[in-house]
Amino acid sequence: MTDQPTLWDDTDALLTTWRGWQVAQGLSDRTYDERDATMRHLFEVTGATPRTLAPFHIIMYTGRPELSDASRYSYHATIRAFCAWMVKARVRLDDPTDETPKPKRARTKPRPLSFEAVRAIYDAANRERTRAYILLAVLSGMRIHEIAKIRGEDIDLDRGTLIIEGKGGVVEIVPLHDELRALAARWPRAGHWFPAYTVEGCVGRKAVYAAIKGAMQRAGYGHAKPHMLRHSYGTELLGRGADLRVVQELMRHADVSTTQLYTDIHWASKVAAVGTLRLAA
C-alpha cells in the first residue's frame, strides 16, 4: 500500500496555513499576498517544495543577475520569514536560510519630482480619477495601495482630517489639504472613492500605478515612478521649513532616520565646496 502524502507535504496547504499565521499576526493583505507570490515563484523557478527547499535553491533564486539589490533583499527576507515559520510550526527541524548569505539592504535616497514636474503630470492626466490619485499622493503623501482603498468615511470635512490606513494596517490621521477638501466635495461621502470596474471592492494598486505612470509618460517624465510623488511631498515640506519631526509624522515614518533621507543638512556646504574648484585659468 502506497503511503498517501500528509497535509504538510502539500505546498498549497502549507502556504495557506502560513497565511493564517500571518493574519493572526495582524499583517496586511498586501503583505501576505506579496509573500505568497514570492514563495510560489521560488518553488516554480527552482523546482523545490517547502519540504525539499535547500540553501542552494535560495542562493539560486536570490542570486539571479536581473534582480536589483532591493529585490534581492526583499525576496530573501520573505524566504527567511517562511522558513522561520516552518521551524516554529514543526514542519521542518532546520532553517535552510541559516546557510545562505544575507543580501545587503539597499540604501537608497528619495528621488522627488519638482512641483513644476508634478503640475505638468497633473495636467497630462486624462481622467478625473487619475488627477485625484495624483493629488492624494502629492498633497498627503499617500502610497499607491493607500490611495486605492480610500473611502469617503476617511474624510472628516468638519475637523479637516484624513484617515490613512498604512503599512501593516497602521491607521494614522493627517491634516486635510484645502485642495483635497475641494476634491472631497465631488466624491462620495461613503464607500470606496475608486471602485473597481469589473469586480466588487476598490481598484487595485496596479491600476492606480498604471494610471499615474501613463500621465507621467504623456508629460515627458517617462523615467519617473508614481512613488516619487510621495517623495515630492516630503521633500517640499522640509524645503519649505517644516520641522523634521512634524514631517516624520506626516510621512508616517516609524523612524526619523527615514525622514532624514529627504533632506541634506550639509547641502549648502557641499555646494560651496564644489564652487571653489577651478579648472580654467
Protein backbone atom coordinates (compact mmCIF):
# COMPACT_ATOMS: atom_id res chain seq x y z
CA MET A 1 0.00 0.00 0.00
CA THR A 2 1.41 3.36 -1.06
CA ASP A 3 1.65 5.97 1.66
CA GLN A 4 -0.51 8.98 0.95
CA PRO A 5 1.13 12.42 1.34
CA THR A 6 0.18 14.22 4.52
CA LEU A 7 -1.28 17.71 4.64
CA TRP A 8 2.17 19.09 5.47
CA ASP A 9 3.66 17.69 2.27
CA ASP A 10 1.32 19.82 0.19
CA THR A 11 2.75 23.18 -0.87
CA ASP A 12 -0.66 24.83 -1.28
CA ALA A 13 -1.76 23.66 2.15
CA LEU A 14 1.45 24.89 3.76
CA LEU A 15 1.18 28.31 2.17
CA THR A 16 -2.47 28.55 3.20
CA THR A 17 -1.57 27.67 6.78
CA TRP A 18 1.26 30.22 6.76
CA ARG A 19 -1.19 32.83 5.50
CA GLY A 20 -3.41 32.13 8.51
CA TRP A 21 -0.40 32.59 10.78
CA GLN A 22 0.27 36.00 9.20
CA VAL A 23 -3.37 37.03 9.54
CA ALA A 24 -3.11 36.22 13.24
CA GLN A 25 -0.07 38.49 13.40
CA GLY A 26 -2.16 41.34 12.04
CA LEU A 27 -0.20 41.71 8.81
CA SER A 28 -1.89 43.40 5.87
CA ASP A 29 -3.49 41.62 2.91
CA ARG A 30 -0.88 43.21 0.70
CA THR A 31 1.98 41.77 2.75
CA TYR A 32 0.85 38.19 2.67
CA ASP A 33 -0.27 38.40 -0.96
CA GLU A 34 3.22 39.55 -1.96
CA ARG A 35 4.88 36.93 0.27
CA ASP A 36 2.70 34.18 -1.17
CA ALA A 37 3.55 35.24 -4.73
CA THR A 38 7.28 35.26 -3.92
CA MET A 39 7.26 31.77 -2.38
CA ARG A 40 5.22 30.29 -5.22
CA HIS A 41 7.60 31.82 -7.76
CA LEU A 42 10.58 30.45 -5.82
CA PHE A 43 9.16 26.92 -5.92
CA GLU A 44 8.28 27.28 -9.60
CA VAL A 45 11.74 28.55 -10.62
CA THR A 46 13.78 26.12 -8.51
CA GLY A 47 11.56 23.05 -8.60
CA ALA A 48 11.79 22.80 -4.82
CA THR A 49 8.97 22.31 -2.32
CA PRO A 50 8.77 23.53 1.27
CA ARG A 51 9.98 20.10 2.39
CA THR A 52 12.92 19.95 -0.04
CA LEU A 53 13.94 23.61 -0.05
CA ALA A 54 17.73 23.74 0.36
CA PRO A 55 20.29 26.56 0.67
CA PHE A 56 21.36 26.22 -2.96
CA HIS A 57 17.75 26.80 -4.11
CA ILE A 58 17.60 30.04 -2.13
CA ILE A 59 21.01 31.19 -3.38
CA MET A 60 19.98 30.39 -6.96
CA TYR A 61 16.74 32.34 -6.63
CA THR A 62 18.03 35.45 -4.85
CA GLY A 63 21.26 35.48 -6.87
CA ARG A 64 19.61 35.97 -10.25
CA PRO A 65 21.55 38.69 -12.11
CA GLU A 66 18.43 40.56 -13.22
CA LEU A 67 17.43 41.37 -9.63
CA SER A 68 18.13 44.74 -8.05
CA ASP A 69 19.75 44.90 -4.63
CA ALA A 70 16.41 45.94 -3.14
CA SER A 71 14.59 42.97 -4.70
CA ARG A 72 17.32 40.58 -3.60
CA TYR A 73 16.99 41.78 -0.01
CA SER A 74 13.18 41.71 -0.08
CA TYR A 75 12.94 38.19 -1.51
CA HIS A 76 15.47 36.82 0.95
CA ALA A 77 13.55 38.42 3.84
CA THR A 78 10.33 36.72 2.68
CA ILE A 79 12.04 33.34 2.40
CA ARG A 80 13.53 33.79 5.88
CA ALA A 81 10.07 34.54 7.27
CA PHE A 82 8.61 31.43 5.66
CA CYS A 83 11.43 29.17 6.83
CA ALA A 84 11.25 30.58 10.37
CA TRP A 85 7.54 29.79 10.38
CA MET A 86 8.18 26.22 9.19
CA VAL A 87 10.55 25.67 12.13
CA LYS A 88 8.07 27.15 14.63
CA ALA A 89 5.23 25.08 13.16
CA ARG A 90 7.45 21.96 13.26
CA VAL A 91 7.14 21.45 9.54
CA ARG A 92 10.94 21.24 9.45
CA LEU A 93 13.64 20.98 12.08
CA ASP A 94 16.16 23.03 10.09
CA ASP A 95 16.10 26.51 8.59
CA PRO A 96 17.80 26.43 5.15
CA THR A 97 18.28 30.22 5.16
CA ASP A 98 20.81 29.81 8.01
CA GLU A 99 23.31 28.57 5.44
CA THR A 100 22.77 31.33 2.89
CA PRO A 101 24.35 34.78 2.64
CA LYS A 102 22.04 37.59 3.68
CA PRO A 103 21.89 40.26 0.95
CA LYS A 104 22.78 43.77 1.99
CA ARG A 105 19.87 46.13 2.31
CA ALA A 106 19.99 48.68 -0.48
CA ARG A 107 20.41 52.16 0.96
CA THR A 108 18.54 54.47 -1.34
CA LYS A 109 17.59 58.11 -1.18
CA PRO A 110 14.29 59.66 -2.27
CA ARG A 111 14.05 60.87 -5.84
CA PRO A 112 11.49 63.67 -5.70
CA LEU A 113 10.00 65.41 -8.68
CA SER A 114 9.83 69.19 -8.67
CA PHE A 115 6.38 70.68 -8.17
CA GLU A 116 6.71 72.09 -11.70
CA ALA A 117 7.01 68.50 -12.96
CA VAL A 118 4.11 67.40 -10.77
CA ARG A 119 1.90 70.13 -12.22
CA ALA A 120 2.80 69.00 -15.75
CA ILE A 121 1.94 65.40 -14.85
CA TYR A 122 -1.35 66.53 -13.30
CA ASP A 123 -2.23 68.47 -16.45
CA ALA A 124 -1.40 65.42 -18.58
CA ALA A 125 -3.81 63.20 -16.64
CA ASN A 126 -6.74 62.47 -18.96
CA ARG A 127 -9.25 61.34 -16.34
CA GLU A 128 -10.59 62.92 -13.16
CA ARG A 129 -9.84 59.72 -11.24
CA THR A 130 -6.17 59.89 -12.24
CA ARG A 131 -5.96 63.54 -11.19
CA ALA A 132 -7.41 62.55 -7.82
CA TYR A 133 -4.73 59.85 -7.46
CA ILE A 134 -2.04 62.45 -8.08
CA LEU A 135 -3.46 64.96 -5.60
CA LEU A 136 -3.71 62.35 -2.84
CA ALA A 137 -0.11 61.29 -3.42
CA VAL A 138 1.47 64.73 -3.54
CA LEU A 139 -0.71 66.59 -1.01
CA SER A 140 -0.98 63.90 1.66
CA GLY A 141 1.98 61.61 0.89
CA MET A 142 -0.25 58.59 0.35
CA ARG A 143 1.27 55.42 -1.04
CA ILE A 144 -0.26 53.76 -4.11
CA HIS A 145 -2.02 50.99 -2.17
CA GLU A 146 -3.34 53.57 0.33
CA ILE A 147 -4.84 55.63 -2.47
CA ALA A 148 -6.55 52.59 -3.96
CA LYS A 149 -8.57 51.82 -0.84
CA ILE A 150 -9.53 55.32 0.34
CA ARG A 151 -13.18 55.65 1.35
CA GLY A 152 -15.49 58.62 1.79
CA GLU A 153 -15.65 57.84 5.50
CA ASP A 154 -11.91 58.53 5.76
CA ILE A 155 -12.54 62.25 5.19
CA ASP A 156 -13.83 64.44 8.01
CA LEU A 157 -14.64 67.80 6.47
CA ASP A 158 -15.71 69.33 9.79
CA ARG A 159 -12.41 68.58 11.50
CA GLY A 160 -10.33 68.82 8.35
CA THR A 161 -8.72 65.39 8.72
CA LEU A 162 -7.85 62.43 6.54
CA ILE A 163 -7.56 58.90 7.92
CA ILE A 164 -4.93 56.74 6.20
CA GLU A 165 -4.54 53.00 6.71
CA GLY A 166 -0.87 52.41 6.03
CA LYS A 167 1.63 49.59 6.19
CA GLY A 168 0.69 46.71 8.45
CA GLY A 169 -2.80 48.11 8.94
CA VAL A 170 -1.49 51.05 10.99
CA VAL A 171 -4.05 53.86 10.98
CA GLU A 172 -2.94 57.50 11.09
CA ILE A 173 -4.78 60.82 10.95
CA VAL A 174 -3.28 63.69 8.94
CA PRO A 175 -4.49 67.22 8.17
CA LEU A 176 -6.68 67.55 5.10
CA HIS A 177 -5.16 69.86 2.49
CA ASP A 178 -7.51 72.53 1.11
CA GLU A 179 -7.30 71.11 -2.42
CA LEU A 180 -8.23 67.67 -1.06
CA ARG A 181 -11.14 69.24 0.80
CA ALA A 182 -12.38 70.63 -2.52
CA LEU A 183 -11.81 67.22 -4.09
CA ALA A 184 -13.85 65.52 -1.36
CA ALA A 185 -16.82 67.69 -2.21
CA ARG A 186 -17.00 65.97 -5.61
CA TRP A 187 -16.52 62.40 -4.43
CA PRO A 188 -18.79 60.06 -2.42
CA ARG A 189 -19.09 60.69 1.31
CA ALA A 190 -19.35 56.93 1.92
CA GLY A 191 -17.88 53.84 0.29
CA HIS A 192 -14.84 53.46 -1.93
CA TRP A 193 -13.82 56.52 -3.87
CA PHE A 194 -12.32 54.37 -6.59
CA PRO A 195 -14.39 51.19 -7.03
CA ALA A 196 -13.10 48.52 -9.39
CA TYR A 197 -14.83 48.33 -12.76
CA THR A 198 -15.25 44.56 -13.06
CA VAL A 199 -15.25 43.18 -9.51
CA GLU A 200 -16.54 44.24 -6.12
CA GLY A 201 -14.29 46.33 -3.92
CA CYS A 202 -11.77 49.04 -4.62
CA VAL A 203 -9.50 49.44 -7.63
CA GLY A 204 -6.22 47.52 -7.45
CA ARG A 205 -2.95 49.27 -6.71
CA LYS A 206 -1.58 48.14 -10.09
CA ALA A 207 -4.34 50.09 -11.81
CA VAL A 208 -3.52 53.22 -9.77
CA TYR A 209 0.17 52.81 -10.63
CA ALA A 210 -0.58 52.38 -14.34
CA ALA A 211 -2.84 55.45 -14.47
CA ILE A 212 -0.27 57.74 -12.83
CA LYS A 213 2.55 56.24 -14.88
CA GLY A 214 0.61 56.95 -18.06
CA ALA A 215 0.23 60.62 -17.10
CA MET A 216 3.96 60.79 -16.35
CA GLN A 217 4.79 59.42 -19.78
CA ARG A 218 2.47 61.83 -21.56
CA ALA A 219 4.04 64.74 -19.64
CA GLY A 220 7.54 63.71 -20.73
CA TYR A 221 8.59 62.14 -17.43
CA GLY A 222 8.66 58.53 -18.55
CA HIS A 223 11.61 57.81 -16.24
CA ALA A 224 9.57 58.74 -13.15
CA LYS A 225 7.70 56.35 -10.89
CA PRO A 226 4.42 57.12 -9.10
CA HIS A 227 6.03 56.70 -5.65
CA MET A 228 8.16 59.77 -6.45
CA LEU A 229 5.06 61.88 -5.82
CA ARG A 230 5.27 60.86 -2.17
CA HIS A 231 8.96 61.80 -2.24
CA SER A 232 7.98 65.22 -3.58
CA TYR A 233 5.56 65.65 -0.68
CA GLY A 234 8.21 65.01 1.97
CA THR A 235 10.95 66.96 0.23
CA GLU A 236 8.77 70.02 -0.39
CA LEU A 237 7.62 70.08 3.25
CA LEU A 238 11.20 70.06 4.52
CA GLY A 239 12.32 72.52 1.86
CA ARG A 240 9.63 74.97 2.97
CA GLY A 241 10.87 74.90 6.56
CA ALA A 242 8.68 72.24 8.20
CA ASP A 243 10.16 70.66 11.34
CA LEU A 244 11.78 67.26 10.77
CA ARG A 245 9.69 65.54 13.45
CA VAL A 246 6.50 67.05 12.06
CA VAL A 247 7.37 65.74 8.60
CA GLN A 248 8.14 62.33 10.11
CA GLU A 249 4.59 62.17 11.46
CA LEU A 250 3.05 63.47 8.24
CA MET A 251 5.04 60.90 6.22
CA ARG A 252 4.11 58.26 8.81
CA HIS A 253 7.68 57.04 9.14
CA ALA A 254 8.34 54.77 12.12
CA ASP A 255 11.92 56.04 12.41
CA VAL A 256 13.03 59.66 11.97
CA SER A 257 16.19 58.40 10.24
CA THR A 258 14.00 57.52 7.26
CA THR A 259 12.67 61.07 7.14
CA GLN A 260 16.20 62.44 7.32
CA LEU A 261 16.87 60.90 3.92
CA TYR A 262 14.58 63.58 2.50
CA THR A 263 16.91 66.40 3.39
CA ASP A 264 20.63 67.05 3.48
CA ILE A 265 21.66 69.49 6.18
CA HIS A 266 25.12 69.83 4.64
CA TRP A 267 23.91 70.59 1.12
CA ALA A 268 24.83 74.29 1.18
CA SER A 269 28.33 73.42 2.39
CA LYS A 270 28.69 70.88 -0.38
CA VAL A 271 27.63 73.44 -3.00
CA ALA A 272 30.13 75.95 -1.61
CA ALA A 273 32.93 73.37 -1.59
CA VAL A 274 32.35 72.33 -5.19
CA GLY A 275 32.18 76.00 -6.17
CA THR A 276 35.79 76.51 -5.04
CA LEU A 277 37.09 74.22 -7.79
CA ARG A 278 38.58 75.95 -10.83
CA LEU A 279 39.92 74.30 -13.95
CA ALA A 280 40.16 77.26 -16.32
CA ALA A 281 42.87 79.83 -15.65
